[in-house]
Amino acid sequence: MLEAIAKLEPEDKVLAEGLYKVVSAVAPGLVPKTYYGMPGFADAAGKIVVFIQPSKKFKTRYSTIGFEGTANLDDGDLWATSFAVLTWTPAVEKKITELVRKAVG
């Protein structure tokens, strides 16, 4: 996965490195893994929990940090599973940390 991050455009690379840092600190049990070539993290069963979809790779306006069905983000009958990210800021890091913590909780 570190090779996949290294190949990203600078803007996406910063976001992927931020996600890597957060997941490594908050959910060290998740395994770094590429997901259709995108940086992601899987549970012990090999199922992706969280990943980043780089904007430059898909020629979109923003990158997306997404959570798959294995993430425990359930909140009633409706909850978000992906989040648009333009830049990695302390506020973004705090929110992603909370989401990853909840996802593996």
N, C-alpha and C. Protein backbone atom coordinates (compact mmCIF):
# COMPACT_ATOMS: atom_id res chain seq x y z
N MET A 1 0.80 -1.18 0.00
CA MET A 1 0.00 0.00 0.00
C MET A 1 0.86 1.26 0.00
N LEU A 2 1.98 1.22 0.68
CA LEU A 2 2.86 2.40 0.69
C LEU A 2 3.33 2.74 -0.72
N GLU A 3 3.51 1.72 -1.56
CA GLU A 3 3.88 1.97 -2.95
C GLU A 3 2.74 2.68 -3.68
N ALA A 4 1.50 2.28 -3.39
CA ALA A 4 0.34 2.93 -4.02
C ALA A 4 0.26 4.38 -3.58
N ILE A 5 0.50 4.65 -2.31
CA ILE A 5 0.48 6.03 -1.80
C ILE A 5 1.58 6.86 -2.46
N ALA A 6 2.76 6.28 -2.60
CA ALA A 6 3.90 7.00 -3.19
C ALA A 6 3.62 7.42 -4.63
N LYS A 7 2.77 6.68 -5.34
CA LYS A 7 2.47 6.97 -6.74
C LYS A 7 1.38 8.03 -6.92
N LEU A 8 0.74 8.42 -5.84
CA LEU A 8 -0.35 9.39 -5.94
C LEU A 8 0.16 10.79 -6.25
N GLU A 9 -0.73 11.60 -6.82
CA GLU A 9 -0.44 13.02 -7.04
C GLU A 9 -0.27 13.68 -5.67
N PRO A 10 0.51 14.76 -5.57
CA PRO A 10 0.80 15.37 -4.27
C PRO A 10 -0.42 15.65 -3.38
N GLU A 11 -1.50 16.18 -3.97
CA GLU A 11 -2.68 16.52 -3.17
C GLU A 11 -3.31 15.27 -2.56
N ASP A 12 -3.39 14.20 -3.36
CA ASP A 12 -3.98 12.95 -2.88
C ASP A 12 -3.03 12.23 -1.93
N LYS A 13 -1.76 12.36 -2.18
CA LYS A 13 -0.76 11.70 -1.34
C LYS A 13 -0.84 12.20 0.10
N VAL A 14 -1.02 13.50 0.29
CA VAL A 14 -1.14 14.07 1.64
C VAL A 14 -2.35 13.47 2.36
N LEU A 15 -3.45 13.32 1.65
CA LEU A 15 -4.66 12.76 2.25
C LEU A 15 -4.46 11.28 2.61
N ALA A 16 -3.86 10.53 1.71
CA ALA A 16 -3.63 9.11 1.95
C ALA A 16 -2.65 8.91 3.12
N GLU A 17 -1.64 9.75 3.19
CA GLU A 17 -0.70 9.66 4.31
C GLU A 17 -1.39 10.00 5.63
N GLY A 18 -2.30 10.97 5.60
CA GLY A 18 -3.06 11.31 6.80
C GLY A 18 -3.94 10.16 7.25
N LEU A 19 -4.62 9.53 6.30
CA LEU A 19 -5.45 8.36 6.63
C LEU A 19 -4.59 7.24 7.19
N TYR A 20 -3.45 7.00 6.57
CA TYR A 20 -2.54 5.95 7.04
C TYR A 20 -2.12 6.20 8.49
N LYS A 21 -1.78 7.45 8.78
CA LYS A 21 -1.36 7.82 10.13
C LYS A 21 -2.48 7.58 11.14
N VAL A 22 -3.69 8.01 10.80
CA VAL A 22 -4.83 7.85 11.70
C VAL A 22 -5.14 6.38 11.94
N VAL A 23 -5.25 5.61 10.88
CA VAL A 23 -5.60 4.19 11.03
C VAL A 23 -4.52 3.45 11.80
N SER A 24 -3.28 3.75 11.53
CA SER A 24 -2.18 3.09 12.25
C SER A 24 -2.25 3.36 13.75
N ALA A 25 -2.67 4.58 14.11
CA ALA A 25 -2.73 4.96 15.52
C ALA A 25 -3.99 4.45 16.21
N VAL A 26 -5.13 4.54 15.53
CA VAL A 26 -6.42 4.25 16.14
C VAL A 26 -6.87 2.80 15.97
N ALA A 27 -6.50 2.20 14.85
CA ALA A 27 -6.95 0.84 14.54
C ALA A 27 -5.80 0.00 14.02
N PRO A 28 -4.79 -0.23 14.86
CA PRO A 28 -3.61 -0.97 14.39
C PRO A 28 -3.90 -2.40 13.96
N GLY A 29 -5.08 -2.91 14.31
CA GLY A 29 -5.45 -4.26 13.89
C GLY A 29 -5.87 -4.34 12.43
N LEU A 30 -6.14 -3.20 11.82
CA LEU A 30 -6.48 -3.21 10.40
C LEU A 30 -5.21 -3.35 9.57
N VAL A 31 -5.34 -4.06 8.47
CA VAL A 31 -4.19 -4.39 7.63
C VAL A 31 -4.18 -3.49 6.39
N PRO A 32 -3.07 -2.80 6.13
CA PRO A 32 -2.97 -2.00 4.91
C PRO A 32 -3.10 -2.89 3.68
N LYS A 33 -3.91 -2.44 2.74
CA LYS A 33 -4.19 -3.26 1.56
C LYS A 33 -4.69 -2.34 0.45
N THR A 34 -4.35 -2.62 -0.78
CA THR A 34 -4.92 -1.82 -1.86
C THR A 34 -6.30 -2.39 -2.19
N TYR A 35 -7.16 -1.48 -2.60
CA TYR A 35 -8.55 -1.80 -2.92
C TYR A 35 -8.81 -1.25 -4.31
N TYR A 36 -8.77 -2.11 -5.30
CA TYR A 36 -8.85 -1.68 -6.69
C TYR A 36 -7.78 -0.63 -6.98
N GLY A 37 -6.60 -0.85 -6.40
CA GLY A 37 -5.47 0.05 -6.60
C GLY A 37 -5.44 1.26 -5.68
N MET A 38 -6.49 1.42 -4.88
CA MET A 38 -6.56 2.56 -3.97
C MET A 38 -6.09 2.13 -2.58
N PRO A 39 -5.46 3.01 -1.82
CA PRO A 39 -5.03 2.67 -0.46
C PRO A 39 -6.24 2.39 0.43
N GLY A 40 -6.18 1.29 1.16
CA GLY A 40 -7.27 0.92 2.06
C GLY A 40 -6.76 0.11 3.24
N PHE A 41 -7.68 -0.25 4.09
CA PHE A 41 -7.36 -1.04 5.27
C PHE A 41 -8.42 -2.09 5.46
N ALA A 42 -7.99 -3.31 5.73
CA ALA A 42 -8.90 -4.45 5.84
C ALA A 42 -8.91 -5.02 7.25
N ASP A 43 -9.99 -5.71 7.58
CA ASP A 43 -10.08 -6.39 8.86
C ASP A 43 -9.36 -7.73 8.79
N ALA A 44 -9.43 -8.51 9.86
CA ALA A 44 -8.71 -9.79 9.93
C ALA A 44 -9.19 -10.77 8.87
N ALA A 45 -10.43 -10.62 8.42
CA ALA A 45 -10.98 -11.51 7.39
C ALA A 45 -10.59 -11.06 5.98
N GLY A 46 -9.84 -9.95 5.88
CA GLY A 46 -9.41 -9.45 4.59
C GLY A 46 -10.42 -8.54 3.90
N LYS A 47 -11.49 -8.18 4.60
CA LYS A 47 -12.51 -7.31 4.03
C LYS A 47 -12.17 -5.84 4.32
N ILE A 48 -12.26 -5.03 3.28
CA ILE A 48 -11.94 -3.61 3.42
C ILE A 48 -12.91 -2.94 4.38
N VAL A 49 -12.35 -2.11 5.26
CA VAL A 49 -13.14 -1.33 6.21
C VAL A 49 -13.16 0.12 5.76
N VAL A 50 -11.99 0.66 5.43
CA VAL A 50 -11.88 2.07 5.04
C VAL A 50 -10.86 2.19 3.91
N PHE A 51 -11.12 3.15 3.00
CA PHE A 51 -10.22 3.36 1.87
C PHE A 51 -10.29 4.81 1.44
N ILE A 52 -9.34 5.20 0.61
CA ILE A 52 -9.38 6.54 0.03
C ILE A 52 -9.44 6.42 -1.49
N GLN A 53 -10.36 7.17 -2.07
CA GLN A 53 -10.50 7.24 -3.51
C GLN A 53 -9.89 8.56 -3.96
N PRO A 54 -8.71 8.51 -4.56
CA PRO A 54 -8.00 9.74 -4.94
C PRO A 54 -8.71 10.52 -6.05
N SER A 55 -8.78 11.82 -5.89
CA SER A 55 -9.47 12.66 -6.87
C SER A 55 -8.77 12.66 -8.23
N LYS A 56 -7.47 12.72 -8.22
CA LYS A 56 -6.74 12.81 -9.49
C LYS A 56 -6.88 11.54 -10.31
N LYS A 57 -6.93 10.39 -9.65
CA LYS A 57 -7.06 9.11 -10.36
C LYS A 57 -8.39 9.04 -11.10
N PHE A 58 -9.43 9.60 -10.49
CA PHE A 58 -10.77 9.52 -11.07
C PHE A 58 -11.24 10.84 -11.68
N LYS A 59 -10.31 11.82 -11.72
CA LYS A 59 -10.59 13.13 -12.32
C LYS A 59 -11.85 13.76 -11.74
N THR A 60 -11.91 13.75 -10.41
CA THR A 60 -13.04 14.35 -9.70
C THR A 60 -12.57 15.57 -8.92
N ARG A 61 -13.52 16.34 -8.44
CA ARG A 61 -13.23 17.58 -7.74
C ARG A 61 -12.63 17.36 -6.36
N TYR A 62 -12.92 16.23 -5.74
CA TYR A 62 -12.45 15.95 -4.38
C TYR A 62 -12.15 14.46 -4.21
N SER A 63 -11.28 14.17 -3.27
CA SER A 63 -11.02 12.78 -2.89
C SER A 63 -12.12 12.34 -1.93
N THR A 64 -12.27 11.05 -1.80
CA THR A 64 -13.29 10.50 -0.91
C THR A 64 -12.66 9.49 0.03
N ILE A 65 -12.97 9.61 1.30
CA ILE A 65 -12.62 8.56 2.26
C ILE A 65 -13.91 7.79 2.48
N GLY A 66 -13.86 6.51 2.15
CA GLY A 66 -15.06 5.68 2.19
C GLY A 66 -14.94 4.54 3.17
N PHE A 67 -16.08 4.11 3.65
CA PHE A 67 -16.17 2.99 4.58
C PHE A 67 -17.08 1.93 3.96
N GLU A 68 -16.65 0.70 4.02
CA GLU A 68 -17.44 -0.40 3.49
C GLU A 68 -18.39 -0.94 4.56
N GLY A 69 -19.20 -1.91 4.20
CA GLY A 69 -20.20 -2.48 5.09
C GLY A 69 -19.65 -3.10 6.36
N THR A 70 -18.37 -3.41 6.38
CA THR A 70 -17.75 -3.98 7.58
C THR A 70 -17.52 -2.94 8.66
N ALA A 71 -17.62 -1.66 8.30
CA ALA A 71 -17.42 -0.56 9.27
C ALA A 71 -18.68 -0.42 10.12
N ASN A 72 -18.49 -0.26 11.40
CA ASN A 72 -19.62 -0.13 12.34
C ASN A 72 -20.03 1.33 12.49
N LEU A 73 -20.50 1.92 11.41
CA LEU A 73 -20.90 3.33 11.44
C LEU A 73 -22.42 3.49 11.58
N ASP A 74 -23.13 2.39 11.73
CA ASP A 74 -24.59 2.42 11.79
C ASP A 74 -25.09 3.48 12.75
N ASP A 75 -26.10 4.23 12.28
CA ASP A 75 -26.70 5.28 13.10
C ASP A 75 -28.18 5.35 12.73
N GLY A 76 -28.97 4.44 13.26
CA GLY A 76 -30.39 4.39 12.93
C GLY A 76 -30.60 3.85 11.54
N ASP A 77 -31.51 4.48 10.80
CA ASP A 77 -31.86 4.02 9.46
C ASP A 77 -31.07 4.71 8.35
N LEU A 78 -30.21 5.68 8.72
CA LEU A 78 -29.48 6.44 7.71
C LEU A 78 -28.14 6.90 8.27
N TRP A 79 -27.05 6.67 7.52
CA TRP A 79 -25.74 7.17 7.93
C TRP A 79 -24.84 7.29 6.70
N ALA A 80 -23.86 8.14 6.80
CA ALA A 80 -22.92 8.37 5.70
C ALA A 80 -21.87 7.26 5.67
N THR A 81 -21.45 6.89 4.46
CA THR A 81 -20.39 5.90 4.31
C THR A 81 -19.20 6.44 3.53
N SER A 82 -19.31 7.66 3.04
CA SER A 82 -18.16 8.27 2.37
C SER A 82 -18.18 9.77 2.64
N PHE A 83 -16.96 10.33 2.60
CA PHE A 83 -16.78 11.72 2.97
C PHE A 83 -15.84 12.39 1.98
N ALA A 84 -16.29 13.50 1.40
CA ALA A 84 -15.45 14.26 0.49
C ALA A 84 -14.39 14.99 1.30
N VAL A 85 -13.16 14.97 0.79
CA VAL A 85 -12.05 15.62 1.49
C VAL A 85 -11.25 16.43 0.47
N LEU A 86 -11.10 17.72 0.76
CA LEU A 86 -10.31 18.58 -0.12
C LEU A 86 -8.88 18.71 0.37
N THR A 87 -8.70 18.92 1.68
CA THR A 87 -7.37 19.07 2.26
C THR A 87 -7.34 18.39 3.62
N TRP A 88 -6.16 18.01 4.05
CA TRP A 88 -5.97 17.37 5.36
C TRP A 88 -5.67 18.47 6.37
N THR A 89 -6.60 18.73 7.23
CA THR A 89 -6.46 19.76 8.26
C THR A 89 -6.60 19.10 9.63
N PRO A 90 -6.28 19.79 10.71
CA PRO A 90 -6.50 19.22 12.04
C PRO A 90 -7.97 18.83 12.27
N ALA A 91 -8.90 19.62 11.75
CA ALA A 91 -10.33 19.29 11.90
C ALA A 91 -10.69 18.02 11.12
N VAL A 92 -10.14 17.88 9.92
CA VAL A 92 -10.38 16.67 9.13
C VAL A 92 -9.78 15.47 9.85
N GLU A 93 -8.57 15.61 10.34
CA GLU A 93 -7.92 14.51 11.05
C GLU A 93 -8.74 14.09 12.27
N LYS A 94 -9.27 15.05 12.99
CA LYS A 94 -10.08 14.74 14.17
C LYS A 94 -11.33 13.96 13.77
N LYS A 95 -12.02 14.40 12.74
CA LYS A 95 -13.25 13.74 12.28
C LYS A 95 -12.95 12.34 11.77
N ILE A 96 -11.91 12.18 10.97
CA ILE A 96 -11.56 10.86 10.45
C ILE A 96 -11.15 9.94 11.58
N THR A 97 -10.44 10.46 12.57
CA THR A 97 -10.06 9.66 13.74
C THR A 97 -11.32 9.14 14.44
N GLU A 98 -12.29 10.00 14.65
CA GLU A 98 -13.55 9.60 15.30
C GLU A 98 -14.26 8.53 14.48
N LEU A 99 -14.30 8.71 13.15
CA LEU A 99 -14.98 7.75 12.29
C LEU A 99 -14.28 6.39 12.28
N VAL A 100 -12.96 6.39 12.18
CA VAL A 100 -12.22 5.13 12.18
C VAL A 100 -12.40 4.42 13.51
N ARG A 101 -12.32 5.17 14.60
CA ARG A 101 -12.51 4.59 15.94
C ARG A 101 -13.89 3.92 16.03
N LYS A 102 -14.92 4.61 15.53
CA LYS A 102 -16.28 4.06 15.55
C LYS A 102 -16.39 2.86 14.62
N ALA A 103 -15.76 2.94 13.46
CA ALA A 103 -15.83 1.88 12.45
C ALA A 103 -15.33 0.54 12.97
N VAL A 104 -14.32 0.59 13.82
CA VAL A 104 -13.74 -0.67 14.33
C VAL A 104 -14.25 -1.03 15.71
N GLY A 105 -15.08 -0.15 16.29
CA GLY A 105 -15.58 -0.37 17.64
C GLY A 105 -16.67 -1.40 17.75
